[in-house]
Amino acid sequence: MTGSTSLERTDRSGTTRTALRALLLGAAMAGAAFAGGIARAADAPLDIAFVVADSADPFYLTMQCGAEKAAKDNNVNLTWQGSPSVDYGPEIAILHAVQLKKPNGIVLAPFSPTAFIAPVKDLMDGGTPVVTVDGSLDQKVELQNIHSDNAAAGAAAADMLGEALHGQGTVAVISFQPGIPVQAARVDGFVAEAKKKYPNIKVLPGEYGGADAGKSATITSGLLARNPDLAGIYATDTNDAEGAASAVRAGGVATKVKVVAYDAAPDEVKALRSGVFDGLVAQMPYQEGYRAVALLAKYLRHQISKDQVPYFDQTGAVVVTKANVDTPEIAHTVLYTDSCS
């Protein structure tokens, strides 16, 4: 009995000491995770999802290149999810599917200023930070919104067209659809600059092609038929610009009607070189993709607090002309791509 009791006491004492050491070690590790979480989190990969629509657009393909580079630089597992449609319905379905996979953070290019407010708010309230790019929401519910200074870019387009027309003539504007803040800013900036600096330029009421090249071509053909004095066209997105350009070519008026377009997709650049476009206003999609992923990585690793994140992060825009399109600073850093390779 005595031997048995001695062995039992030794076993209990050893077990107690082992358990105590395990408890203390666990507490120490928990404390390190709490107090020094930045260092530990920096070594662990993050899962970030990127959700877009109109996924075949070179603008978003270029954005993807920037996002992938940021993911590589910041130890991020990036999942790119895109709907080929410009309709926001399929994009919302993709966002909900992504949410079920519980990524650490999400980047979203919202194709509606209202429909994404509730889902984004739910994500933010549930602890999944969201950064929006290109588009914007009517309520500031996300962590940050990154987009071009669209009003300034619209003004730059007005200056290009105003100079090309020597300050005189009738001009048409073809945009995506009404009620989209970024598109409205592109139009408003153009109209305000034209009114301010080119009083002899008449800007016709806006037309909407819905980012459908076929529809915008039909609209442009109608504008040419109704306005034989039409001297210029400003299109505010890639698809509508390409549709307008095709109608101008088909109508045989490429030398008569000056066309200035938003974006710098490969087909637009070809049209610029051939003289169909007189100028392009290129955004910075690569920078938008890079900045969004890099910001989320820093935020998720507690390297930056919410108070240190400005709600708006505006990227610049660059005027591209036939004279500068092939210069290294434009060709290598500004023009859009259809492949990251």
C-alpha atoms as a PDB file:
ATOM      1  CA  MET A   1       0.000   0.000   0.000  1.00  0.00           C
ATOM      2  CA  THR A   2       2.765   2.382   0.943  1.00  0.00           C
ATOM      3  CA  GLY A   3       4.631   1.752  -2.341  1.00  0.00           C
ATOM      4  CA  SER A   4       1.500   2.146  -4.311  1.00  0.00           C
ATOM      5  CA  THR A   5       0.706   5.418  -2.594  1.00  0.00           C
ATOM      6  CA  SER A   6       4.211   6.709  -3.259  1.00  0.00           C
ATOM      7  CA  LEU A   7       3.975   5.865  -6.963  1.00  0.00           C
ATOM      8  CA  GLU A   8       0.534   7.447  -7.165  1.00  0.00           C
ATOM      9  CA  ARG A   9       1.760  10.649  -5.534  1.00  0.00           C
ATOM     10  CA  THR A  10       4.720  10.853  -7.901  1.00  0.00           C
ATOM     11  CA  ASP A  11       2.481  10.330 -10.911  1.00  0.00           C
ATOM     12  CA  ARG A  12       0.009  12.939  -9.759  1.00  0.00           C
ATOM     13  CA  SER A  13       2.760  15.413  -8.999  1.00  0.00           C
ATOM     14  CA  GLY A  14       4.346  14.884 -12.423  1.00  0.00           C
ATOM     15  CA  THR A  15       1.022  15.151 -14.163  1.00  0.00           C
ATOM     16  CA  THR A  16       0.247  18.318 -12.255  1.00  0.00           C
ATOM     17  CA  ARG A  17       3.582  19.862 -13.156  1.00  0.00           C
ATOM     18  CA  THR A  18       3.137  18.866 -16.826  1.00  0.00           C
ATOM     19  CA  ALA A  19      -0.378  20.261 -16.906  1.00  0.00           C
ATOM     20  CA  LEU A  20       0.794  23.443 -15.227  1.00  0.00           C
ATOM     21  CA  ARG A  21       3.605  23.883 -17.737  1.00  0.00           C
ATOM     22  CA  ALA A  22       1.138  23.312 -20.606  1.00  0.00           C
ATOM     23  CA  LEU A  23      -1.261  25.829 -19.089  1.00  0.00           C
ATOM     24  CA  LEU A  24       1.465  28.423 -18.648  1.00  0.00           C
ATOM     25  CA  LEU A  25       2.750  27.804 -22.181  1.00  0.00           C
ATOM     26  CA  GLY A  26      -0.746  28.152 -23.596  1.00  0.00           C
ATOM     27  CA  ALA A  27      -1.255  31.381 -21.669  1.00  0.00           C
ATOM     28  CA  ALA A  28       2.058  32.720 -22.902  1.00  0.00           C
ATOM     29  CA  MET A  29       1.183  31.871 -26.505  1.00  0.00           C
ATOM     30  CA  ALA A  30      -2.237  33.453 -26.146  1.00  0.00           C
ATOM     31  CA  GLY A  31      -0.620  36.548 -24.695  1.00  0.00           C
ATOM     32  CA  ALA A  32       1.810  36.699 -27.588  1.00  0.00           C
ATOM     33  CA  ALA A  33      -1.028  36.367 -30.067  1.00  0.00           C
ATOM     34  CA  PHE A  34      -2.878  39.210 -28.338  1.00  0.00           C
ATOM     35  CA  ALA A  35       0.004  41.541 -27.576  1.00  0.00           C
ATOM     36  CA  GLY A  36       2.265  40.701 -30.497  1.00  0.00           C
ATOM     37  CA  GLY A  37      -0.286  39.644 -33.083  1.00  0.00           C
ATOM     38  CA  ILE A  38       1.218  41.885 -35.729  1.00  0.00           C
ATOM     39  CA  ALA A  39       4.456  39.921 -35.850  1.00  0.00           C
ATOM     40  CA  ARG A  40       2.710  36.562 -35.954  1.00  0.00           C
ATOM     41  CA  ALA A  41       0.061  37.635 -38.453  1.00  0.00           C
ATOM     42  CA  ALA A  42       2.718  39.008 -40.774  1.00  0.00           C
ATOM     43  CA  ASP A  43       4.080  35.486 -41.202  1.00  0.00           C
ATOM     44  CA  ALA A  44       0.697  33.937 -42.047  1.00  0.00           C
ATOM     45  CA  PRO A  45      -0.904  34.195 -45.499  1.00  0.00           C
ATOM     46  CA  LEU A  46      -4.214  36.023 -45.800  1.00  0.00           C
ATOM     47  CA  ASP A  47      -7.173  35.016 -47.953  1.00  0.00           C
ATOM     48  CA  ILE A  48      -8.562  37.950 -49.928  1.00  0.00           C
ATOM     49  CA  ALA A  49     -11.305  37.705 -52.541  1.00  0.00           C
ATOM     50  CA  PHE A  50     -11.716  40.164 -55.412  1.00  0.00           C
ATOM     51  CA  VAL A  51     -15.199  40.445 -56.965  1.00  0.00           C
ATOM     52  CA  VAL A  52     -15.926  42.287 -60.222  1.00  0.00           C
ATOM     53  CA  ALA A  53     -18.383  42.375 -63.107  1.00  0.00           C
ATOM     54  CA  ASP A  54     -17.633  42.864 -66.811  1.00  0.00           C
ATOM     55  CA  SER A  55     -14.644  40.633 -66.126  1.00  0.00           C
ATOM     56  CA  ALA A  56     -13.418  40.471 -69.737  1.00  0.00           C
ATOM     57  CA  ASP A  57     -12.959  44.246 -69.905  1.00  0.00           C
ATOM     58  CA  PRO A  58      -9.237  45.083 -70.196  1.00  0.00           C
ATOM     59  CA  PHE A  59      -9.761  47.634 -67.433  1.00  0.00           C
ATOM     60  CA  TYR A  60     -10.518  44.856 -64.953  1.00  0.00           C
ATOM     61  CA  LEU A  61      -7.912  42.524 -66.426  1.00  0.00           C
ATOM     62  CA  THR A  62      -5.329  45.244 -65.800  1.00  0.00           C
ATOM     63  CA  MET A  63      -6.723  45.707 -62.304  1.00  0.00           C
ATOM     64  CA  GLN A  64      -6.291  41.973 -61.752  1.00  0.00           C
ATOM     65  CA  CYS A  65      -2.619  42.270 -62.695  1.00  0.00           C
ATOM     66  CA  GLY A  66      -2.134  44.921 -60.019  1.00  0.00           C
ATOM     67  CA  ALA A  67      -4.044  42.880 -57.450  1.00  0.00           C
ATOM     68  CA  GLU A  68      -1.967  39.780 -58.166  1.00  0.00           C
ATOM     69  CA  LYS A  69       1.267  41.742 -57.770  1.00  0.00           C
ATOM     70  CA  ALA A  70       0.081  43.138 -54.440  1.00  0.00           C
ATOM     71  CA  ALA A  71      -0.902  39.634 -53.327  1.00  0.00           C
ATOM     72  CA  LYS A  72       2.589  38.386 -54.119  1.00  0.00           C
ATOM     73  CA  ASP A  73       4.201  41.312 -52.300  1.00  0.00           C
ATOM     74  CA  ASN A  74       2.007  40.942 -49.199  1.00  0.00           C
ATOM     75  CA  ASN A  75       1.738  37.163 -48.692  1.00  0.00           C
ATOM     76  CA  VAL A  76      -1.901  36.995 -49.781  1.00  0.00           C
ATOM     77  CA  ASN A  77      -3.847  34.136 -51.327  1.00  0.00           C
ATOM     78  CA  LEU A  78      -5.936  36.037 -53.863  1.00  0.00           C
ATOM     79  CA  THR A  79      -9.179  34.653 -55.308  1.00  0.00           C
ATOM     80  CA  TRP A  80     -10.434  36.541 -58.368  1.00  0.00           C
ATOM     81  CA  GLN A  81     -14.171  36.172 -59.038  1.00  0.00           C
ATOM     82  CA  GLY A  82     -15.821  37.904 -61.976  1.00  0.00           C
ATOM     83  CA  SER A  83     -19.097  37.982 -63.837  1.00  0.00           C
ATOM     84  CA  PRO A  84     -18.832  38.631 -67.591  1.00  0.00           C
ATOM     85  CA  SER A  85     -22.032  40.686 -67.464  1.00  0.00           C
ATOM     86  CA  VAL A  86     -22.330  44.402 -66.670  1.00  0.00           C
ATOM     87  CA  ASP A  87     -25.542  43.570 -64.797  1.00  0.00           C
ATOM     88  CA  TYR A  88     -25.053  43.762 -61.037  1.00  0.00           C
ATOM     89  CA  GLY A  89     -27.357  40.799 -60.339  1.00  0.00           C
ATOM     90  CA  PRO A  90     -24.842  38.051 -61.130  1.00  0.00           C
ATOM     91  CA  GLU A  91     -22.168  40.020 -59.299  1.00  0.00           C
ATOM     92  CA  ILE A  92     -24.243  40.073 -56.113  1.00  0.00           C
ATOM     93  CA  ALA A  93     -24.694  36.300 -56.383  1.00  0.00           C
ATOM     94  CA  ILE A  94     -20.921  35.906 -56.690  1.00  0.00           C
ATOM     95  CA  LEU A  95     -20.391  38.139 -53.661  1.00  0.00           C
ATOM     96  CA  HIS A  96     -22.749  36.013 -51.563  1.00  0.00           C
ATOM     97  CA  ALA A  97     -20.966  32.829 -52.678  1.00  0.00           C
ATOM     98  CA  VAL A  98     -17.617  34.368 -51.770  1.00  0.00           C
ATOM     99  CA  GLN A  99     -18.944  35.408 -48.372  1.00  0.00           C
ATOM    100  CA  LEU A 100     -19.746  31.775 -47.541  1.00  0.00           C
ATOM    101  CA  LYS A 101     -16.064  30.893 -47.970  1.00  0.00           C
ATOM    102  CA  LYS A 102     -15.205  33.392 -45.219  1.00  0.00           C
ATOM    103  CA  PRO A 103     -12.175  35.161 -46.686  1.00  0.00           C
ATOM    104  CA  ASN A 104     -10.228  37.524 -44.445  1.00  0.00           C
ATOM    105  CA  GLY A 105     -11.160  40.469 -46.650  1.00  0.00           C
ATOM    106  CA  ILE A 106     -12.921  41.365 -49.896  1.00  0.00           C
ATOM    107  CA  VAL A 107     -12.296  43.854 -52.697  1.00  0.00           C
ATOM    108  CA  LEU A 108     -15.429  44.728 -54.671  1.00  0.00           C
ATOM    109  CA  ALA A 109     -16.029  46.679 -57.875  1.00  0.00           C
ATOM    110  CA  PRO A 110     -19.717  47.508 -57.296  1.00  0.00           C
ATOM    111  CA  PHE A 111     -21.834  47.830 -60.438  1.00  0.00           C
ATOM    112  CA  SER A 112     -24.660  49.438 -58.494  1.00  0.00           C
ATOM    113  CA  PRO A 113     -24.391  52.318 -56.012  1.00  0.00           C
ATOM    114  CA  THR A 114     -27.336  50.999 -53.971  1.00  0.00           C
ATOM    115  CA  ALA A 115     -27.698  47.219 -54.371  1.00  0.00           C
ATOM    116  CA  PHE A 116     -24.394  46.464 -52.656  1.00  0.00           C
ATOM    117  CA  ILE A 117     -24.926  48.662 -49.601  1.00  0.00           C
ATOM    118  CA  ALA A 118     -26.650  46.000 -47.480  1.00  0.00           C
ATOM    119  CA  PRO A 119     -24.290  43.117 -48.362  1.00  0.00           C
ATOM    120  CA  VAL A 120     -21.217  45.252 -47.758  1.00  0.00           C
ATOM    121  CA  LYS A 121     -22.593  46.519 -44.458  1.00  0.00           C
ATOM    122  CA  ASP A 122     -23.291  42.931 -43.372  1.00  0.00           C
ATOM    123  CA  LEU A 123     -19.739  41.923 -44.239  1.00  0.00           C
ATOM    124  CA  MET A 124     -18.226  44.854 -42.380  1.00  0.00           C
ATOM    125  CA  ASP A 125     -20.441  44.278 -39.328  1.00  0.00           C
ATOM    126  CA  GLY A 126     -19.444  40.606 -39.371  1.00  0.00           C
ATOM    127  CA  GLY A 127     -15.745  41.418 -39.270  1.00  0.00           C
ATOM    128  CA  THR A 128     -14.872  41.046 -42.964  1.00  0.00           C
ATOM    129  CA  PRO A 129     -13.431  44.346 -44.197  1.00  0.00           C
ATOM    130  CA  VAL A 130     -14.407  45.448 -47.699  1.00  0.00           C
ATOM    131  CA  VAL A 131     -12.631  47.867 -50.029  1.00  0.00           C
ATOM    132  CA  THR A 132     -14.541  49.054 -53.099  1.00  0.00           C
ATOM    133  CA  VAL A 133     -12.802  50.008 -56.333  1.00  0.00           C
ATOM    134  CA  ASP A 134     -13.787  51.890 -59.477  1.00  0.00           C
ATOM    135  CA  GLY A 135     -17.470  52.204 -58.540  1.00  0.00           C
ATOM    136  CA  SER A 136     -18.802  53.757 -55.350  1.00  0.00           C
ATOM    137  CA  LEU A 137     -21.748  53.308 -53.011  1.00  0.00           C
ATOM    138  CA  ASP A 138     -24.352  55.867 -51.995  1.00  0.00           C
ATOM    139  CA  GLN A 139     -23.520  55.179 -48.342  1.00  0.00           C
ATOM    140  CA  LYS A 140     -20.042  55.016 -46.822  1.00  0.00           C
ATOM    141  CA  VAL A 141     -20.319  51.523 -45.393  1.00  0.00           C
ATOM    142  CA  GLU A 142     -17.026  50.040 -46.628  1.00  0.00           C
ATOM    143  CA  LEU A 143     -13.507  50.492 -45.274  1.00  0.00           C
ATOM    144  CA  GLN A 144     -12.270  52.460 -48.266  1.00  0.00           C
ATOM    145  CA  ASN A 145     -13.303  53.442 -51.783  1.00  0.00           C
ATOM    146  CA  ILE A 146     -10.581  53.656 -54.436  1.00  0.00           C
ATOM    147  CA  HIS A 147     -11.385  55.247 -57.762  1.00  0.00           C
ATOM    148  CA  SER A 148     -10.219  57.764 -60.336  1.00  0.00           C
ATOM    149  CA  ASP A 149     -10.817  61.477 -59.935  1.00  0.00           C
ATOM    150  CA  ASN A 150     -13.562  61.173 -62.510  1.00  0.00           C
ATOM    151  CA  ALA A 151     -14.594  64.831 -62.546  1.00  0.00           C
ATOM    152  CA  ALA A 152     -11.023  65.937 -63.248  1.00  0.00           C
ATOM    153  CA  ALA A 153     -10.677  63.267 -65.935  1.00  0.00           C
ATOM    154  CA  GLY A 154     -13.911  64.454 -67.533  1.00  0.00           C
ATOM    155  CA  ALA A 155     -12.538  67.986 -67.555  1.00  0.00           C
ATOM    156  CA  ALA A 156      -9.362  66.724 -69.243  1.00  0.00           C
ATOM    157  CA  ALA A 157     -11.512  65.089 -71.930  1.00  0.00           C
ATOM    158  CA  ALA A 158     -13.312  68.401 -72.489  1.00  0.00           C
ATOM    159  CA  ASP A 159      -9.986  70.159 -72.917  1.00  0.00           C
ATOM    160  CA  MET A 160      -8.808  67.589 -75.474  1.00  0.00           C
ATOM    161  CA  LEU A 161     -12.009  67.844 -77.468  1.00  0.00           C
ATOM    162  CA  GLY A 162     -12.184  71.625 -77.096  1.00  0.00           C
ATOM    163  CA  GLU A 163      -8.683  72.028 -78.470  1.00  0.00           C
ATOM    164  CA  ALA A 164      -9.310  69.563 -81.293  1.00  0.00           C
ATOM    165  CA  LEU A 165     -12.417  71.537 -82.298  1.00  0.00           C
ATOM    166  CA  HIS A 166     -10.719  74.924 -81.838  1.00  0.00           C
ATOM    167  CA  GLY A 167     -13.400  75.816 -79.313  1.00  0.00           C
ATOM    168  CA  GLN A 168     -16.418  75.500 -81.603  1.00  0.00           C
ATOM    169  CA  GLY A 169     -18.996  72.903 -82.602  1.00  0.00           C
ATOM    170  CA  THR A 170     -21.699  70.524 -81.427  1.00  0.00           C
ATOM    171  CA  VAL A 171     -20.644  67.676 -79.151  1.00  0.00           C
ATOM    172  CA  ALA A 172     -22.442  64.508 -78.025  1.00  0.00           C
ATOM    173  CA  VAL A 173     -21.839  62.579 -74.805  1.00  0.00           C
ATOM    174  CA  ILE A 174     -22.393  58.800 -74.581  1.00  0.00           C
ATOM    175  CA  SER A 175     -22.255  57.278 -71.120  1.00  0.00           C
ATOM    176  CA  PHE A 176     -23.021  53.977 -69.357  1.00  0.00           C
ATOM    177  CA  GLN A 177     -26.327  54.633 -67.617  1.00  0.00           C
ATOM    178  CA  PRO A 178     -27.859  57.308 -65.405  1.00  0.00           C
ATOM    179  CA  GLY A 179     -27.568  57.106 -61.625  1.00  0.00           C
ATOM    180  CA  ILE A 180     -24.025  55.715 -61.521  1.00  0.00           C
ATOM    181  CA  PRO A 181     -21.922  58.189 -59.483  1.00  0.00           C
ATOM    182  CA  VAL A 182     -18.584  57.596 -61.205  1.00  0.00           C
ATOM    183  CA  GLN A 183     -20.164  57.880 -64.643  1.00  0.00           C
ATOM    184  CA  ALA A 184     -22.071  61.000 -63.621  1.00  0.00           C
ATOM    185  CA  ALA A 185     -18.812  62.578 -62.440  1.00  0.00           C
ATOM    186  CA  ARG A 186     -17.196  61.850 -65.808  1.00  0.00           C
ATOM    187  CA  VAL A 187     -20.065  63.595 -67.587  1.00  0.00           C
ATOM    188  CA  ASP A 188     -20.411  66.467 -65.107  1.00  0.00           C
ATOM    189  CA  GLY A 189     -16.698  67.208 -65.185  1.00  0.00           C
ATOM    190  CA  PHE A 190     -16.781  67.306 -68.977  1.00  0.00           C
ATOM    191  CA  VAL A 191     -19.875  69.522 -69.177  1.00  0.00           C
ATOM    192  CA  ALA A 192     -18.624  71.949 -66.512  1.00  0.00           C
ATOM    193  CA  GLU A 193     -15.225  72.352 -68.188  1.00  0.00           C
ATOM    194  CA  ALA A 194     -16.790  72.826 -71.632  1.00  0.00           C
ATOM    195  CA  LYS A 195     -19.150  75.469 -70.280  1.00  0.00           C
ATOM    196  CA  LYS A 196     -16.362  77.249 -68.442  1.00  0.00           C
ATOM    197  CA  LYS A 197     -13.701  77.311 -71.142  1.00  0.00           C
ATOM    198  CA  TYR A 198     -15.458  76.682 -74.451  1.00  0.00           C
ATOM    199  CA  PRO A 199     -18.635  78.783 -74.637  1.00  0.00           C
ATOM    200  CA  ASN A 200     -18.981  78.165 -78.375  1.00  0.00           C
ATOM    201  CA  ILE A 201     -19.197  74.406 -77.921  1.00  0.00           C
ATOM    202  CA  LYS A 202     -22.747  73.068 -77.637  1.00  0.00           C
ATOM    203  CA  VAL A 203     -23.056  69.882 -75.566  1.00  0.00           C
ATOM    204  CA  LEU A 204     -26.108  67.796 -76.485  1.00  0.00           C
ATOM    205  CA  PRO A 205     -28.138  65.966 -73.801  1.00  0.00           C
ATOM    206  CA  GLY A 206     -26.438  62.762 -72.703  1.00  0.00           C
ATOM    207  CA  GLU A 207     -27.114  59.408 -74.332  1.00  0.00           C
ATOM    208  CA  TYR A 208     -26.696  56.034 -72.601  1.00  0.00           C
ATOM    209  CA  GLY A 209     -25.293  52.934 -74.251  1.00  0.00           C
ATOM    210  CA  GLY A 210     -25.238  50.705 -71.178  1.00  0.00           C
ATOM    211  CA  ALA A 211     -21.652  49.614 -71.902  1.00  0.00           C
ATOM    212  CA  ASP A 212     -23.035  47.758 -74.915  1.00  0.00           C
ATOM    213  CA  ALA A 213     -20.896  48.467 -77.990  1.00  0.00           C
ATOM    214  CA  GLY A 214     -23.713  47.496 -80.343  1.00  0.00           C
ATOM    215  CA  LYS A 215     -26.187  49.804 -78.643  1.00  0.00           C
ATOM    216  CA  SER A 216     -23.754  52.716 -78.494  1.00  0.00           C
ATOM    217  CA  ALA A 217     -22.979  52.231 -82.208  1.00  0.00           C
ATOM    218  CA  THR A 218     -26.697  52.504 -82.967  1.00  0.00           C
ATOM    219  CA  ILE A 219     -26.949  55.600 -80.766  1.00  0.00           C
ATOM    220  CA  THR A 220     -23.994  57.190 -82.529  1.00  0.00           C
ATOM    221  CA  SER A 221     -25.447  56.467 -85.974  1.00  0.00           C
ATOM    222  CA  GLY A 222     -28.657  58.170 -84.862  1.00  0.00           C
ATOM    223  CA  LEU A 223     -26.751  61.165 -83.530  1.00  0.00           C
ATOM    224  CA  LEU A 224     -24.912  61.548 -86.831  1.00  0.00           C
ATOM    225  CA  ALA A 225     -28.174  61.362 -88.773  1.00  0.00           C
ATOM    226  CA  ARG A 226     -30.000  63.880 -86.561  1.00  0.00           C
ATOM    227  CA  ASN A 227     -27.098  66.275 -86.197  1.00  0.00           C
ATOM    228  CA  PRO A 228     -25.282  66.751 -89.499  1.00  0.00           C
ATOM    229  CA  ASP A 229     -23.190  69.440 -87.803  1.00  0.00           C
ATOM    230  CA  LEU A 230     -21.956  67.029 -85.110  1.00  0.00           C
ATOM    231  CA  ALA A 231     -18.292  67.790 -84.590  1.00  0.00           C
ATOM    232  CA  GLY A 232     -17.319  65.728 -81.577  1.00  0.00           C
ATOM    233  CA  ILE A 233     -18.187  62.779 -79.338  1.00  0.00           C
ATOM    234  CA  TYR A 234     -17.119  62.028 -75.789  1.00  0.00           C
ATOM    235  CA  ALA A 235     -17.660  58.441 -74.559  1.00  0.00           C
ATOM    236  CA  THR A 236     -17.216  57.634 -70.876  1.00  0.00           C
ATOM    237  CA  ASP A 237     -16.317  53.915 -70.892  1.00  0.00           C
ATOM    238  CA  THR A 238     -14.523  51.349 -73.036  1.00  0.00           C
ATOM    239  CA  ASN A 239     -17.507  49.535 -74.564  1.00  0.00           C
ATOM    240  CA  ASP A 240     -19.490  52.667 -75.374  1.00  0.00           C
ATOM    241  CA  ALA A 241     -16.352  54.280 -76.795  1.00  0.00           C
ATOM    242  CA  GLU A 242     -15.677  51.310 -79.076  1.00  0.00           C
ATOM    243  CA  GLY A 243     -19.293  51.320 -80.250  1.00  0.00           C
ATOM    244  CA  ALA A 244     -19.126  55.036 -81.034  1.00  0.00           C
ATOM    245  CA  ALA A 245     -15.842  54.556 -82.902  1.00  0.00           C
ATOM    246  CA  SER A 246     -17.276  51.758 -85.036  1.00  0.00           C
ATOM    247  CA  ALA A 247     -20.226  53.953 -86.047  1.00  0.00           C
ATOM    248  CA  VAL A 248     -17.957  56.854 -86.902  1.00  0.00           C
ATOM    249  CA  ARG A 249     -15.847  54.573 -89.101  1.00  0.00           C
ATOM    250  CA  ALA A 250     -18.921  53.017 -90.730  1.00  0.00           C
ATOM    251  CA  GLY A 251     -20.339  56.467 -91.436  1.00  0.00           C
ATOM    252  CA  GLY A 252     -17.160  57.578 -93.157  1.00  0.00           C
ATOM    253  CA  VAL A 253     -16.819  60.615 -90.901  1.00  0.00           C
ATOM    254  CA  ALA A 254     -13.671  59.706 -88.955  1.00  0.00           C
ATOM    255  CA  THR A 255     -11.875  62.773 -90.309  1.00  0.00           C
ATOM    256  CA  LYS A 256     -14.838  65.061 -89.604  1.00  0.00           C
ATOM    257  CA  VAL A 257     -16.007  63.970 -86.143  1.00  0.00           C
ATOM    258  CA  LYS A 258     -13.474  64.180 -83.317  1.00  0.00           C
ATOM    259  CA  VAL A 259     -13.840  61.428 -80.724  1.00  0.00           C
ATOM    260  CA  VAL A 260     -12.405  61.458 -77.212  1.00  0.00           C
ATOM    261  CA  ALA A 261     -12.899  58.435 -75.010  1.00  0.00           C
ATOM    262  CA  TYR A 262     -12.404  57.232 -71.476  1.00  0.00           C
ATOM    263  CA  ASP A 263      -9.991  54.339 -70.817  1.00  0.00           C
ATOM    264  CA  ALA A 264      -7.093  52.924 -72.812  1.00  0.00           C
ATOM    265  CA  ALA A 265      -8.041  49.358 -73.757  1.00  0.00           C
ATOM    266  CA  PRO A 266      -6.083  47.684 -76.578  1.00  0.00           C
ATOM    267  CA  ASP A 267      -8.810  48.256 -79.188  1.00  0.00           C
ATOM    268  CA  GLU A 268      -9.118  51.889 -78.149  1.00  0.00           C
ATOM    269  CA  VAL A 269      -5.372  52.344 -78.489  1.00  0.00           C
ATOM    270  CA  LYS A 270      -5.511  50.855 -82.001  1.00  0.00           C
ATOM    271  CA  ALA A 271      -8.298  53.292 -82.859  1.00  0.00           C
ATOM    272  CA  LEU A 272      -6.222  56.151 -81.461  1.00  0.00           C
ATOM    273  CA  ARG A 273      -3.225  55.183 -83.583  1.00  0.00           C
ATOM    274  CA  SER A 274      -5.427  54.933 -86.685  1.00  0.00           C
ATOM    275  CA  GLY A 275      -6.921  58.369 -86.064  1.00  0.00           C
ATOM    276  CA  VAL A 276     -10.467  57.324 -85.102  1.00  0.00           C
ATOM    277  CA  PHE A 277      -9.912  58.604 -81.562  1.00  0.00           C
ATOM    278  CA  ASP A 278      -8.347  62.004 -81.051  1.00  0.00           C
ATOM    279  CA  GLY A 279      -7.511  61.316 -77.426  1.00  0.00           C
ATOM    280  CA  LEU A 280      -8.024  58.947 -74.502  1.00  0.00           C
ATOM    281  CA  VAL A 281      -8.301  59.544 -70.777  1.00  0.00           C
ATOM    282  CA  ALA A 282      -6.619  56.556 -69.174  1.00  0.00           C
ATOM    283  CA  GLN A 283      -7.401  55.543 -65.612  1.00  0.00           C
ATOM    284  CA  MET A 284      -5.046  53.650 -63.309  1.00  0.00           C
ATOM    285  CA  PRO A 285      -6.682  50.209 -62.882  1.00  0.00           C
ATOM    286  CA  TYR A 286      -3.360  48.513 -62.048  1.00  0.00           C
ATOM    287  CA  GLN A 287      -2.875  50.923 -59.165  1.00  0.00           C
ATOM    288  CA  GLU A 288      -6.468  50.457 -57.971  1.00  0.00           C
ATOM    289  CA  GLY A 289      -6.018  46.687 -57.800  1.00  0.00           C
ATOM    290  CA  TYR A 290      -2.636  46.929 -56.132  1.00  0.00           C
ATOM    291  CA  ARG A 291      -3.654  49.529 -53.546  1.00  0.00           C
ATOM    292  CA  ALA A 292      -6.842  47.690 -52.563  1.00  0.00           C
ATOM    293  CA  VAL A 293      -5.113  44.382 -51.813  1.00  0.00           C
ATOM    294  CA  ALA A 294      -2.124  46.035 -50.132  1.00  0.00           C
ATOM    295  CA  LEU A 295      -4.391  48.130 -47.892  1.00  0.00           C
ATOM    296  CA  LEU A 296      -6.473  45.146 -46.819  1.00  0.00           C
ATOM    297  CA  ALA A 297      -3.312  43.180 -46.010  1.00  0.00           C
ATOM    298  CA  LYS A 298      -1.996  45.973 -43.783  1.00  0.00           C
ATOM    299  CA  TYR A 299      -5.370  46.483 -42.127  1.00  0.00           C
ATOM    300  CA  LEU A 300      -5.911  42.789 -41.429  1.00  0.00           C
ATOM    301  CA  ARG A 301      -2.441  42.536 -39.888  1.00  0.00           C
ATOM    302  CA  HIS A 302      -3.164  45.555 -37.664  1.00  0.00           C
ATOM    303  CA  GLN A 303      -0.392  47.551 -39.284  1.00  0.00           C
ATOM    304  CA  ILE A 304      -2.906  50.314 -39.861  1.00  0.00           C
ATOM    305  CA  SER A 305      -6.081  51.159 -37.946  1.00  0.00           C
ATOM    306  CA  LYS A 306      -9.450  52.147 -39.326  1.00  0.00           C
ATOM    307  CA  ASP A 307      -8.903  55.709 -38.109  1.00  0.00           C
ATOM    308  CA  GLN A 308      -5.783  55.871 -40.277  1.00  0.00           C
ATOM    309  CA  VAL A 309      -7.593  54.790 -43.457  1.00  0.00           C
ATOM    310  CA  PRO A 310      -9.026  57.696 -45.467  1.00  0.00           C
ATOM    311  CA  TYR A 311     -12.404  56.773 -46.888  1.00  0.00           C
ATOM    312  CA  PHE A 312     -11.547  57.976 -50.391  1.00  0.00           C
ATOM    313  CA  ASP A 313      -8.341  57.099 -52.220  1.00  0.00           C
ATOM    314  CA  GLN A 314      -8.392  58.786 -55.598  1.00  0.00           C
ATOM    315  CA  THR A 315      -6.063  57.669 -58.352  1.00  0.00           C
ATOM    316  CA  GLY A 316      -5.037  59.900 -61.211  1.00  0.00           C
ATOM    317  CA  ALA A 317      -5.792  59.864 -64.902  1.00  0.00           C
ATOM    318  CA  VAL A 318      -3.495  60.384 -67.865  1.00  0.00           C
ATOM    319  CA  VAL A 319      -4.204  62.013 -71.206  1.00  0.00           C
ATOM    320  CA  VAL A 320      -3.105  59.727 -74.049  1.00  0.00           C
ATOM    321  CA  THR A 321      -2.705  61.106 -77.565  1.00  0.00           C
ATOM    322  CA  LYS A 322      -1.278  59.876 -80.837  1.00  0.00           C
ATOM    323  CA  ALA A 323       1.832  61.895 -80.047  1.00  0.00           C
ATOM    324  CA  ASN A 324       2.609  60.212 -76.714  1.00  0.00           C
ATOM    325  CA  VAL A 325       0.963  56.769 -76.938  1.00  0.00           C
ATOM    326  CA  ASP A 326       4.187  54.964 -77.825  1.00  0.00           C
ATOM    327  CA  THR A 327       6.458  56.721 -75.358  1.00  0.00           C
ATOM    328  CA  PRO A 328       7.860  54.408 -72.641  1.00  0.00           C
ATOM    329  CA  GLU A 329       6.132  56.259 -69.795  1.00  0.00           C
ATOM    330  CA  ILE A 330       2.744  55.728 -71.443  1.00  0.00           C
ATOM    331  CA  ALA A 331       3.197  52.384 -73.192  1.00  0.00           C
ATOM    332  CA  HIS A 332       4.697  50.584 -70.188  1.00  0.00           C
ATOM    333  CA  THR A 333       2.674  51.982 -67.289  1.00  0.00           C
ATOM    334  CA  VAL A 334      -0.593  53.515 -68.525  1.00  0.00           C
ATOM    335  CA  LEU A 335      -2.109  51.461 -71.350  1.00  0.00           C
ATOM    336  CA  TYR A 336      -4.425  48.615 -70.361  1.00  0.00           C
ATOM    337  CA  THR A 337      -3.672  44.984 -71.028  1.00  0.00           C
ATOM    338  CA  ASP A 338      -5.642  41.831 -71.777  1.00  0.00           C
ATOM    339  CA  SER A 339      -3.110  39.556 -70.093  1.00  0.00           C
ATOM    340  CA  CYS A 340      -0.823  39.712 -67.053  1.00  0.00           C
ATOM    341  CA  SER A 341       1.865  37.587 -68.737  1.00  0.00           C
END
